[in-house]
């Protein structure tokens, strides 16, 4: 029973770290990445579709993306969706191909993005600590119901703390790696 609680906590903490990684992929660094436009939704015949389902997105060089809609009439809708997104990029259209040029990040913008990355990291740490609290609560409930001894409960809480420390260390590493990527000129 205690092993199930620990495994559940470990799984949920790993998911929190993975969610952080997934969220940080969207943070724009100096290099072009197709993940930058993954969150953009395009109005496709009345329903909002992810950009990747209505067009092919490719990295043409280090600072630009090319988006090629599969249907010619979708060019305007894709352009409109890019302008409406919070990326702050202006699409350049040539026929059926849309180019997105990514300007170099200014020092001020790098610092701003770095603060955002730290904020995301703190949110992930809070989520991990909440998972720890839930797991410890479950252990205390078992102790209250006399299903485990005090020694077993203490040992389980110590192991849950080790799992928590490991997950928080992972979060710190992910944040540090993203920050280095951001600050690289």
N, C-alpha and C. Protein backbone atom coordinates (compact mmCIF):
# COMPACT_ATOMS: atom_id res chain seq x y z
N UNK A 1 0.82 -1.19 0.00
CA UNK A 1 0.00 0.00 0.00
C UNK A 1 0.87 1.27 0.00
N UNK A 2 1.91 1.29 0.83
CA UNK A 2 2.82 2.44 0.85
C UNK A 2 3.58 2.55 -0.47
N UNK A 3 3.94 1.39 -1.03
CA UNK A 3 4.65 1.40 -2.31
C UNK A 3 3.79 2.01 -3.41
N UNK A 4 2.48 1.74 -3.37
CA UNK A 4 1.57 2.31 -4.36
C UNK A 4 1.53 3.83 -4.23
N UNK A 5 1.49 4.31 -3.01
CA UNK A 5 1.47 5.77 -2.77
C UNK A 5 2.75 6.40 -3.32
N UNK A 6 3.90 5.77 -3.03
CA UNK A 6 5.18 6.31 -3.50
C UNK A 6 5.27 6.28 -5.03
N UNK A 7 4.83 5.16 -5.63
CA UNK A 7 4.88 5.05 -7.10
C UNK A 7 3.99 6.10 -7.75
N UNK A 8 2.78 6.28 -7.18
CA UNK A 8 1.85 7.26 -7.70
C UNK A 8 2.46 8.67 -7.62
N UNK A 9 3.06 8.99 -6.47
CA UNK A 9 3.68 10.31 -6.29
C UNK A 9 4.81 10.50 -7.29
N UNK A 10 5.63 9.47 -7.47
CA UNK A 10 6.76 9.56 -8.39
C UNK A 10 6.28 9.76 -9.83
N UNK A 11 5.25 9.03 -10.21
CA UNK A 11 4.69 9.16 -11.56
C UNK A 11 4.13 10.56 -11.79
N UNK A 12 3.37 11.05 -10.82
CA UNK A 12 2.77 12.38 -10.96
C UNK A 12 3.84 13.48 -11.00
N UNK A 13 4.90 13.31 -10.21
CA UNK A 13 5.98 14.31 -10.22
C UNK A 13 6.71 14.29 -11.56
N UNK A 14 6.92 13.09 -12.10
CA UNK A 14 7.59 12.98 -13.41
C UNK A 14 6.73 13.66 -14.49
N UNK A 15 5.41 13.51 -14.37
CA UNK A 15 4.52 14.17 -15.33
C UNK A 15 4.61 15.69 -15.21
N UNK A 16 4.77 16.19 -13.99
CA UNK A 16 4.92 17.64 -13.80
C UNK A 16 6.19 18.15 -14.47
N UNK A 17 7.29 17.40 -14.33
CA UNK A 17 8.56 17.80 -14.96
C UNK A 17 8.40 17.76 -16.48
N UNK A 18 7.74 16.72 -16.99
CA UNK A 18 7.54 16.58 -18.43
C UNK A 18 6.65 17.71 -18.96
N UNK A 19 5.63 18.08 -18.20
CA UNK A 19 4.76 19.19 -18.60
C UNK A 19 5.56 20.50 -18.67
N UNK A 20 6.48 20.68 -17.73
CA UNK A 20 7.34 21.86 -17.75
C UNK A 20 8.19 21.87 -19.03
N UNK A 21 8.80 20.72 -19.33
CA UNK A 21 9.61 20.63 -20.56
C UNK A 21 8.77 21.00 -21.77
N UNK A 22 7.55 20.46 -21.82
CA UNK A 22 6.66 20.71 -22.95
C UNK A 22 6.32 22.20 -23.04
N UNK A 23 6.05 22.84 -21.92
CA UNK A 23 5.71 24.26 -21.92
C UNK A 23 6.91 25.12 -22.33
N UNK A 24 8.10 24.73 -21.92
CA UNK A 24 9.28 25.55 -22.21
C UNK A 24 9.71 25.44 -23.67
N UNK A 25 9.27 24.40 -24.37
CA UNK A 25 9.59 24.29 -25.80
C UNK A 25 8.99 25.46 -26.55
N UNK A 26 7.86 25.96 -26.07
CA UNK A 26 7.17 27.05 -26.75
C UNK A 26 7.84 28.40 -26.53
N UNK A 27 8.71 28.49 -25.53
CA UNK A 27 9.40 29.76 -25.27
C UNK A 27 10.44 29.96 -26.36
N UNK A 28 10.35 31.10 -27.02
CA UNK A 28 11.19 31.37 -28.18
C UNK A 28 12.62 31.69 -27.76
N UNK A 29 13.54 30.98 -28.35
CA UNK A 29 14.95 31.28 -28.14
C UNK A 29 15.46 31.92 -29.43
N UNK A 30 16.74 32.05 -29.58
CA UNK A 30 17.30 32.67 -30.78
C UNK A 30 17.13 31.83 -32.03
N UNK A 31 16.83 30.54 -31.88
CA UNK A 31 16.73 29.65 -33.04
C UNK A 31 15.28 29.39 -33.41
N UNK A 32 15.06 29.13 -34.69
CA UNK A 32 13.72 28.79 -35.17
C UNK A 32 13.41 27.35 -34.79
N UNK A 33 12.17 27.10 -34.41
CA UNK A 33 11.73 25.75 -34.07
C UNK A 33 10.26 25.62 -34.47
N UNK A 34 9.91 24.46 -35.02
CA UNK A 34 8.51 24.26 -35.42
C UNK A 34 7.59 24.24 -34.21
N UNK A 35 8.12 23.93 -33.03
CA UNK A 35 7.31 23.90 -31.81
C UNK A 35 6.78 25.29 -31.47
N UNK A 36 7.41 26.30 -32.02
CA UNK A 36 7.01 27.68 -31.76
C UNK A 36 5.58 27.95 -32.21
N UNK A 37 5.16 27.31 -33.29
CA UNK A 37 3.83 27.57 -33.85
C UNK A 37 2.84 26.43 -33.58
N UNK A 38 3.24 25.44 -32.79
CA UNK A 38 2.35 24.31 -32.50
C UNK A 38 1.05 24.72 -31.83
N UNK A 39 1.10 25.76 -31.01
CA UNK A 39 -0.09 26.15 -30.25
C UNK A 39 -1.05 27.02 -31.05
N UNK A 40 -0.67 27.42 -32.26
CA UNK A 40 -1.53 28.29 -33.07
C UNK A 40 -2.71 27.49 -33.63
N UNK A 41 -3.91 28.05 -33.47
CA UNK A 41 -5.13 27.42 -34.00
C UNK A 41 -5.60 28.23 -35.21
N UNK A 42 -5.96 27.52 -36.28
CA UNK A 42 -6.40 28.15 -37.51
C UNK A 42 -7.87 27.83 -37.73
N UNK A 43 -8.65 28.85 -38.14
CA UNK A 43 -10.06 28.63 -38.43
C UNK A 43 -10.15 27.87 -39.76
N UNK A 44 -10.53 26.61 -39.70
CA UNK A 44 -10.60 25.75 -40.87
C UNK A 44 -12.04 25.36 -41.10
N UNK A 45 -12.70 26.06 -42.00
CA UNK A 45 -14.12 25.82 -42.32
C UNK A 45 -14.98 25.79 -41.07
N UNK A 46 -14.82 26.79 -40.22
CA UNK A 46 -15.68 26.94 -39.05
C UNK A 46 -15.19 26.30 -37.77
N UNK A 47 -14.15 25.47 -37.83
CA UNK A 47 -13.64 24.87 -36.58
C UNK A 47 -12.16 25.22 -36.44
N UNK A 48 -11.72 25.37 -35.19
CA UNK A 48 -10.31 25.70 -34.94
C UNK A 48 -9.47 24.44 -34.97
N UNK A 49 -8.48 24.44 -35.83
CA UNK A 49 -7.58 23.29 -36.00
C UNK A 49 -6.15 23.73 -35.68
N UNK A 50 -5.33 22.84 -35.12
CA UNK A 50 -3.91 23.17 -34.93
C UNK A 50 -3.24 23.44 -36.28
N UNK A 51 -2.31 24.37 -36.30
CA UNK A 51 -1.63 24.75 -37.54
C UNK A 51 -1.02 23.55 -38.25
N UNK A 52 -0.46 22.61 -37.47
CA UNK A 52 0.19 21.43 -38.05
C UNK A 52 -0.76 20.52 -38.82
N UNK A 53 -2.09 20.69 -38.63
CA UNK A 53 -3.06 19.85 -39.34
C UNK A 53 -3.59 20.49 -40.62
N UNK A 54 -3.27 21.76 -40.84
CA UNK A 54 -3.73 22.42 -42.07
C UNK A 54 -2.57 22.87 -42.95
N UNK A 55 -1.34 22.73 -42.46
CA UNK A 55 -0.18 23.17 -43.22
C UNK A 55 1.07 22.42 -42.78
N UNK A 56 2.06 22.41 -43.65
CA UNK A 56 3.34 21.83 -43.24
C UNK A 56 4.22 22.97 -42.75
N UNK A 57 4.90 22.73 -41.64
CA UNK A 57 5.76 23.74 -41.04
C UNK A 57 7.18 23.21 -41.08
N UNK A 58 8.10 24.01 -41.60
CA UNK A 58 9.50 23.57 -41.71
C UNK A 58 10.43 24.71 -41.30
N UNK A 59 11.59 24.32 -40.77
CA UNK A 59 12.63 25.29 -40.43
C UNK A 59 13.49 25.45 -41.67
N UNK A 60 13.47 26.65 -42.28
CA UNK A 60 14.26 26.84 -43.50
C UNK A 60 15.70 27.24 -43.19
N UNK A 61 15.92 28.01 -42.15
CA UNK A 61 17.27 28.29 -41.66
C UNK A 61 17.17 28.64 -40.18
N UNK A 62 18.26 29.07 -39.58
CA UNK A 62 18.30 29.27 -38.13
C UNK A 62 17.31 30.31 -37.62
N UNK A 63 16.92 31.25 -38.48
CA UNK A 63 16.06 32.33 -38.03
C UNK A 63 14.73 32.43 -38.80
N UNK A 64 14.36 31.40 -39.55
CA UNK A 64 13.07 31.51 -40.25
C UNK A 64 12.36 30.17 -40.40
N UNK A 65 11.04 30.27 -40.43
CA UNK A 65 10.17 29.11 -40.62
C UNK A 65 9.40 29.31 -41.92
N UNK A 66 9.11 28.21 -42.62
CA UNK A 66 8.24 28.29 -43.78
C UNK A 66 7.00 27.45 -43.50
N UNK A 67 5.86 28.04 -43.78
CA UNK A 67 4.57 27.37 -43.56
C UNK A 67 3.89 27.27 -44.92
N UNK A 68 3.56 26.04 -45.31
CA UNK A 68 2.90 25.82 -46.59
C UNK A 68 1.54 25.18 -46.36
N UNK A 69 0.46 25.96 -46.46
CA UNK A 69 -0.88 25.39 -46.28
C UNK A 69 -1.16 24.36 -47.37
N UNK A 70 -1.93 23.32 -47.03
CA UNK A 70 -2.24 22.27 -48.00
C UNK A 70 -3.30 22.70 -49.00
N UNK A 71 -4.07 23.72 -48.64
CA UNK A 71 -5.08 24.25 -49.56
C UNK A 71 -4.78 25.72 -49.79
N UNK A 72 -4.83 26.12 -51.06
CA UNK A 72 -4.47 27.50 -51.40
C UNK A 72 -5.33 28.53 -50.68
N UNK A 73 -6.64 28.25 -50.51
CA UNK A 73 -7.52 29.23 -49.87
C UNK A 73 -7.26 29.36 -48.38
N UNK A 74 -6.43 28.51 -47.80
CA UNK A 74 -6.13 28.57 -46.37
C UNK A 74 -5.01 29.56 -46.03
N UNK A 75 -4.32 30.08 -47.05
CA UNK A 75 -3.20 30.99 -46.82
C UNK A 75 -3.63 32.19 -45.96
N UNK A 76 -4.75 32.80 -46.32
CA UNK A 76 -5.22 33.99 -45.58
C UNK A 76 -5.59 33.63 -44.14
N UNK A 77 -6.23 32.48 -43.94
CA UNK A 77 -6.63 32.06 -42.60
C UNK A 77 -5.41 31.78 -41.73
N UNK A 78 -4.39 31.17 -42.31
CA UNK A 78 -3.15 30.88 -41.56
C UNK A 78 -2.46 32.19 -41.18
N UNK A 79 -2.39 33.13 -42.15
CA UNK A 79 -1.79 34.44 -41.87
C UNK A 79 -2.51 35.14 -40.72
N UNK A 80 -3.83 35.12 -40.78
CA UNK A 80 -4.66 35.76 -39.75
C UNK A 80 -4.41 35.13 -38.38
N UNK A 81 -4.29 33.81 -38.33
CA UNK A 81 -4.05 33.10 -37.07
C UNK A 81 -2.68 33.45 -36.50
N UNK A 82 -1.68 33.60 -37.36
CA UNK A 82 -0.33 33.95 -36.90
C UNK A 82 -0.33 35.37 -36.33
N UNK A 83 -1.00 36.28 -37.03
CA UNK A 83 -1.07 37.66 -36.54
C UNK A 83 -1.84 37.75 -35.21
N UNK A 84 -2.85 36.92 -35.05
CA UNK A 84 -3.66 36.94 -33.83
C UNK A 84 -2.95 36.28 -32.65
N UNK A 85 -1.95 35.43 -32.95
CA UNK A 85 -1.24 34.75 -31.86
C UNK A 85 -0.38 35.75 -31.10
N UNK A 86 0.10 35.35 -29.92
CA UNK A 86 0.90 36.25 -29.10
C UNK A 86 2.40 36.11 -29.37
N UNK A 87 2.76 35.59 -30.55
CA UNK A 87 4.17 35.41 -30.88
C UNK A 87 4.86 36.71 -31.28
N UNK A 88 4.08 37.67 -31.75
CA UNK A 88 4.67 38.94 -32.16
C UNK A 88 5.45 38.82 -33.45
N UNK A 89 5.06 37.90 -34.33
CA UNK A 89 5.75 37.71 -35.61
C UNK A 89 4.84 38.16 -36.74
N UNK A 90 5.45 38.70 -37.79
CA UNK A 90 4.70 39.14 -38.95
C UNK A 90 4.97 38.17 -40.10
N UNK A 91 3.91 37.56 -40.64
CA UNK A 91 4.12 36.61 -41.74
C UNK A 91 4.36 37.34 -43.07
N UNK A 92 5.27 36.80 -43.88
CA UNK A 92 5.52 37.31 -45.23
C UNK A 92 5.00 36.25 -46.20
N UNK A 93 4.06 36.62 -47.05
CA UNK A 93 3.46 35.64 -47.95
C UNK A 93 3.97 35.83 -49.37
N UNK A 94 4.37 34.71 -49.98
CA UNK A 94 4.77 34.71 -51.39
C UNK A 94 4.03 33.56 -52.06
N UNK A 95 2.91 33.86 -52.67
CA UNK A 95 2.11 32.80 -53.30
C UNK A 95 1.44 31.95 -52.23
N UNK A 96 1.82 30.68 -52.19
CA UNK A 96 1.21 29.78 -51.20
C UNK A 96 2.14 29.50 -50.03
N UNK A 97 3.31 30.13 -50.01
CA UNK A 97 4.27 29.89 -48.93
C UNK A 97 4.31 31.10 -48.00
N UNK A 98 4.21 30.82 -46.69
CA UNK A 98 4.28 31.89 -45.69
C UNK A 98 5.62 31.75 -44.96
N UNK A 99 6.37 32.84 -44.90
CA UNK A 99 7.65 32.82 -44.19
C UNK A 99 7.52 33.62 -42.90
N UNK A 100 8.09 33.07 -41.84
CA UNK A 100 8.15 33.78 -40.56
C UNK A 100 9.62 34.02 -40.25
N UNK A 101 10.03 35.27 -40.24
CA UNK A 101 11.41 35.60 -39.89
C UNK A 101 11.46 35.95 -38.41
N UNK A 102 12.34 35.27 -37.68
CA UNK A 102 12.47 35.50 -36.25
C UNK A 102 13.60 36.49 -36.02
N UNK A 103 13.28 37.68 -35.51
CA UNK A 103 14.35 38.64 -35.24
C UNK A 103 15.20 38.17 -34.07
N UNK A 104 16.43 38.64 -34.03
CA UNK A 104 17.31 38.31 -32.91
C UNK A 104 16.71 38.89 -31.63
N UNK A 105 16.85 38.16 -30.55
CA UNK A 105 16.30 38.63 -29.28
C UNK A 105 17.17 39.74 -28.69
N UNK A 106 16.52 40.76 -28.18
CA UNK A 106 17.27 41.82 -27.51
C UNK A 106 17.61 41.34 -26.10
N UNK A 107 18.57 42.00 -25.49
CA UNK A 107 18.97 41.64 -24.12
C UNK A 107 17.79 41.76 -23.16
N UNK A 108 17.00 42.82 -23.35
CA UNK A 108 15.84 43.04 -22.48
C UNK A 108 14.82 41.90 -22.63
N UNK A 109 14.57 41.50 -23.88
CA UNK A 109 13.62 40.41 -24.13
C UNK A 109 14.14 39.09 -23.58
N UNK A 110 15.45 38.87 -23.67
CA UNK A 110 16.05 37.64 -23.11
C UNK A 110 15.81 37.57 -21.60
N UNK A 111 16.01 38.71 -20.93
CA UNK A 111 15.81 38.74 -19.48
C UNK A 111 14.35 38.51 -19.12
N UNK A 112 13.47 39.10 -19.92
CA UNK A 112 12.03 38.93 -19.71
C UNK A 112 11.64 37.45 -19.87
N UNK A 113 12.14 36.82 -20.93
CA UNK A 113 11.86 35.39 -21.16
C UNK A 113 12.47 34.53 -20.06
N UNK A 114 13.64 34.94 -19.57
CA UNK A 114 14.29 34.20 -18.49
C UNK A 114 13.42 34.22 -17.23
N UNK A 115 12.84 35.41 -16.94
CA UNK A 115 11.93 35.51 -15.79
C UNK A 115 10.72 34.62 -15.98
N UNK A 116 10.21 34.58 -17.20
CA UNK A 116 9.06 33.72 -17.51
C UNK A 116 9.42 32.24 -17.28
N UNK A 117 10.60 31.85 -17.72
CA UNK A 117 11.06 30.46 -17.55
C UNK A 117 11.16 30.14 -16.06
N UNK A 118 11.71 31.07 -15.27
CA UNK A 118 11.81 30.85 -13.82
C UNK A 118 10.42 30.72 -13.19
N UNK A 119 9.48 31.54 -13.65
CA UNK A 119 8.11 31.46 -13.15
C UNK A 119 7.48 30.11 -13.45
N UNK A 120 7.70 29.61 -14.66
CA UNK A 120 7.18 28.27 -15.03
C UNK A 120 7.82 27.20 -14.14
N UNK A 121 9.12 27.36 -13.88
CA UNK A 121 9.81 26.41 -13.01
C UNK A 121 9.23 26.42 -11.60
N UNK A 122 8.95 27.62 -11.08
CA UNK A 122 8.35 27.72 -9.74
C UNK A 122 6.98 27.07 -9.71
N UNK A 123 6.19 27.27 -10.77
CA UNK A 123 4.87 26.63 -10.84
C UNK A 123 5.00 25.12 -10.79
N UNK A 124 5.99 24.58 -11.50
CA UNK A 124 6.20 23.13 -11.51
C UNK A 124 6.61 22.65 -10.11
N UNK A 125 7.45 23.44 -9.43
CA UNK A 125 7.87 23.06 -8.07
C UNK A 125 6.68 23.05 -7.11
N UNK A 126 5.79 24.04 -7.26
CA UNK A 126 4.59 24.09 -6.42
C UNK A 126 3.73 22.85 -6.66
N UNK A 127 3.59 22.48 -7.93
CA UNK A 127 2.81 21.28 -8.26
C UNK A 127 3.43 20.04 -7.61
N UNK A 128 4.75 19.95 -7.66
CA UNK A 128 5.45 18.80 -7.07
C UNK A 128 5.25 18.78 -5.56
N UNK A 129 5.35 19.95 -4.93
CA UNK A 129 5.15 20.00 -3.47
C UNK A 129 3.72 19.62 -3.10
N UNK A 130 2.75 20.00 -3.94
CA UNK A 130 1.36 19.60 -3.69
C UNK A 130 1.20 18.09 -3.78
N UNK A 131 1.89 17.48 -4.72
CA UNK A 131 1.85 16.02 -4.85
C UNK A 131 2.46 15.38 -3.60
N UNK A 132 3.56 15.95 -3.11
CA UNK A 132 4.18 15.45 -1.87
C UNK A 132 3.21 15.54 -0.71
N UNK A 133 2.54 16.69 -0.62
CA UNK A 133 1.58 16.88 0.47
C UNK A 133 0.46 15.83 0.40
N UNK A 134 -0.05 15.59 -0.80
CA UNK A 134 -1.11 14.58 -0.98
C UNK A 134 -0.61 13.19 -0.55
N UNK A 135 0.59 12.83 -0.98
CA UNK A 135 1.14 11.52 -0.65
C UNK A 135 1.33 11.38 0.87
N UNK A 136 1.89 12.43 1.50
CA UNK A 136 2.08 12.38 2.95
C UNK A 136 0.73 12.29 3.68
N UNK A 137 -0.27 12.96 3.15
CA UNK A 137 -1.61 12.90 3.74
C UNK A 137 -2.16 11.47 3.66
N UNK A 138 -1.95 10.82 2.52
CA UNK A 138 -2.41 9.43 2.37
C UNK A 138 -1.70 8.52 3.37
N UNK A 139 -0.41 8.73 3.59
CA UNK A 139 0.35 7.94 4.56
C UNK A 139 -0.21 8.16 5.96
N UNK A 140 -0.49 9.43 6.30
CA UNK A 140 -1.03 9.73 7.63
C UNK A 140 -2.41 9.10 7.82
N UNK A 141 -3.21 9.05 6.76
CA UNK A 141 -4.52 8.41 6.84
C UNK A 141 -4.36 6.91 7.15
N UNK A 142 -3.38 6.28 6.49
CA UNK A 142 -3.13 4.86 6.75
C UNK A 142 -2.69 4.65 8.21
N UNK A 143 -1.88 5.57 8.71
CA UNK A 143 -1.41 5.49 10.09
C UNK A 143 -2.59 5.66 11.05
N UNK A 144 -3.47 6.61 10.74
CA UNK A 144 -4.64 6.87 11.57
C UNK A 144 -5.56 5.65 11.61
N UNK A 145 -5.66 4.95 10.48
CA UNK A 145 -6.50 3.76 10.40
C UNK A 145 -5.79 2.52 10.93
N UNK A 146 -4.58 2.71 11.43
CA UNK A 146 -3.75 1.64 12.01
C UNK A 146 -3.43 0.53 10.99
N UNK A 147 -3.28 0.92 9.70
CA UNK A 147 -2.92 -0.05 8.66
C UNK A 147 -1.41 -0.14 8.49
N UNK A 148 -0.69 0.86 9.02
CA UNK A 148 0.78 0.85 9.01
C UNK A 148 1.28 1.31 10.38
N UNK A 149 2.52 0.93 10.67
CA UNK A 149 3.11 1.35 11.95
C UNK A 149 3.71 2.75 11.80
N UNK A 150 4.04 3.37 12.95
CA UNK A 150 4.64 4.71 12.90
C UNK A 150 5.98 4.68 12.19
N UNK A 151 6.77 3.62 12.41
CA UNK A 151 8.07 3.49 11.75
C UNK A 151 7.92 3.42 10.23
N UNK A 152 6.94 2.63 9.78
CA UNK A 152 6.70 2.50 8.34
C UNK A 152 6.26 3.84 7.76
N UNK A 153 5.41 4.54 8.47
CA UNK A 153 4.92 5.83 8.00
C UNK A 153 6.08 6.84 7.91
N UNK A 154 6.93 6.87 8.93
CA UNK A 154 8.07 7.79 8.94
C UNK A 154 9.02 7.47 7.78
N UNK A 155 9.28 6.18 7.59
CA UNK A 155 10.16 5.75 6.50
C UNK A 155 9.55 6.14 5.14
N UNK A 156 8.24 5.93 4.99
CA UNK A 156 7.57 6.27 3.73
C UNK A 156 7.64 7.77 3.46
N UNK A 157 7.43 8.58 4.49
CA UNK A 157 7.50 10.04 4.31
C UNK A 157 8.91 10.48 3.93
N UNK A 158 9.92 9.82 4.50
CA UNK A 158 11.31 10.14 4.14
C UNK A 158 11.58 9.79 2.68
N UNK A 159 11.05 8.65 2.23
CA UNK A 159 11.24 8.25 0.83
C UNK A 159 10.49 9.19 -0.11
N UNK A 160 9.30 9.62 0.29
CA UNK A 160 8.54 10.57 -0.51
C UNK A 160 9.31 11.88 -0.63
N UNK A 161 9.98 12.29 0.46
CA UNK A 161 10.78 13.51 0.43
C UNK A 161 11.96 13.35 -0.54
N UNK A 162 12.58 12.16 -0.58
CA UNK A 162 13.69 11.92 -1.51
C UNK A 162 13.19 12.02 -2.95
N UNK A 163 12.01 11.45 -3.21
CA UNK A 163 11.42 11.51 -4.56
C UNK A 163 11.16 12.97 -4.92
N UNK A 164 10.64 13.74 -3.96
CA UNK A 164 10.35 15.16 -4.18
C UNK A 164 11.63 15.93 -4.49
N UNK A 165 12.68 15.69 -3.70
CA UNK A 165 13.96 16.38 -3.92
C UNK A 165 14.50 16.08 -5.32
N UNK A 166 14.38 14.83 -5.73
CA UNK A 166 14.84 14.44 -7.06
C UNK A 166 14.07 15.17 -8.15
N UNK A 167 12.74 15.24 -8.00
CA UNK A 167 11.91 15.92 -9.00
C UNK A 167 12.22 17.41 -9.06
N UNK A 168 12.43 18.02 -7.91
CA UNK A 168 12.75 19.46 -7.88
C UNK A 168 14.12 19.72 -8.51
N UNK A 169 15.05 18.79 -8.30
CA UNK A 169 16.37 18.90 -8.94
C UNK A 169 16.21 18.83 -10.46
N UNK A 170 15.33 17.93 -10.94
CA UNK A 170 15.07 17.83 -12.38
C UNK A 170 14.50 19.14 -12.92
N UNK A 171 13.57 19.75 -12.19
CA UNK A 171 12.98 21.02 -12.60
C UNK A 171 14.07 22.08 -12.70
N UNK A 172 14.95 22.15 -11.69
CA UNK A 172 16.03 23.13 -11.70
C UNK A 172 16.94 22.94 -12.92
N UNK A 173 17.23 21.68 -13.27
CA UNK A 173 18.09 21.40 -14.42
C UNK A 173 17.42 21.83 -15.72
N UNK A 174 16.12 21.56 -15.85
CA UNK A 174 15.38 21.95 -17.06
C UNK A 174 15.38 23.47 -17.20
N UNK A 175 15.10 24.17 -16.09
CA UNK A 175 15.07 25.64 -16.11
C UNK A 175 16.45 26.20 -16.45
N UNK A 176 17.49 25.64 -15.85
CA UNK A 176 18.84 26.13 -16.09
C UNK A 176 19.24 25.92 -17.56
N UNK A 177 18.90 24.76 -18.12
CA UNK A 177 19.23 24.48 -19.51
C UNK A 177 18.51 25.46 -20.44
N UNK A 178 17.25 25.74 -20.16
CA UNK A 178 16.48 26.66 -21.00
C UNK A 178 17.03 28.07 -20.88
N UNK A 179 17.43 28.44 -19.66
CA UNK A 179 17.99 29.78 -19.45
C UNK A 179 19.31 29.94 -20.22
N UNK A 180 20.15 28.91 -20.20
CA UNK A 180 21.40 28.98 -20.95
C UNK A 180 21.14 29.10 -22.45
N UNK A 181 20.12 28.37 -22.90
CA UNK A 181 19.73 28.44 -24.32
C UNK A 181 19.26 29.85 -24.67
N UNK A 182 18.51 30.47 -23.75
CA UNK A 182 18.02 31.83 -23.98
C UNK A 182 19.14 32.86 -24.00
N UNK A 183 20.08 32.72 -23.08
CA UNK A 183 21.12 33.74 -22.94
C UNK A 183 22.26 33.59 -23.96
N UNK A 184 22.28 32.45 -24.67
CA UNK A 184 23.32 32.27 -25.69
C UNK A 184 23.03 33.22 -26.85
N UNK A 185 24.03 33.98 -27.23
CA UNK A 185 23.83 34.96 -28.30
C UNK A 185 24.22 34.36 -29.63
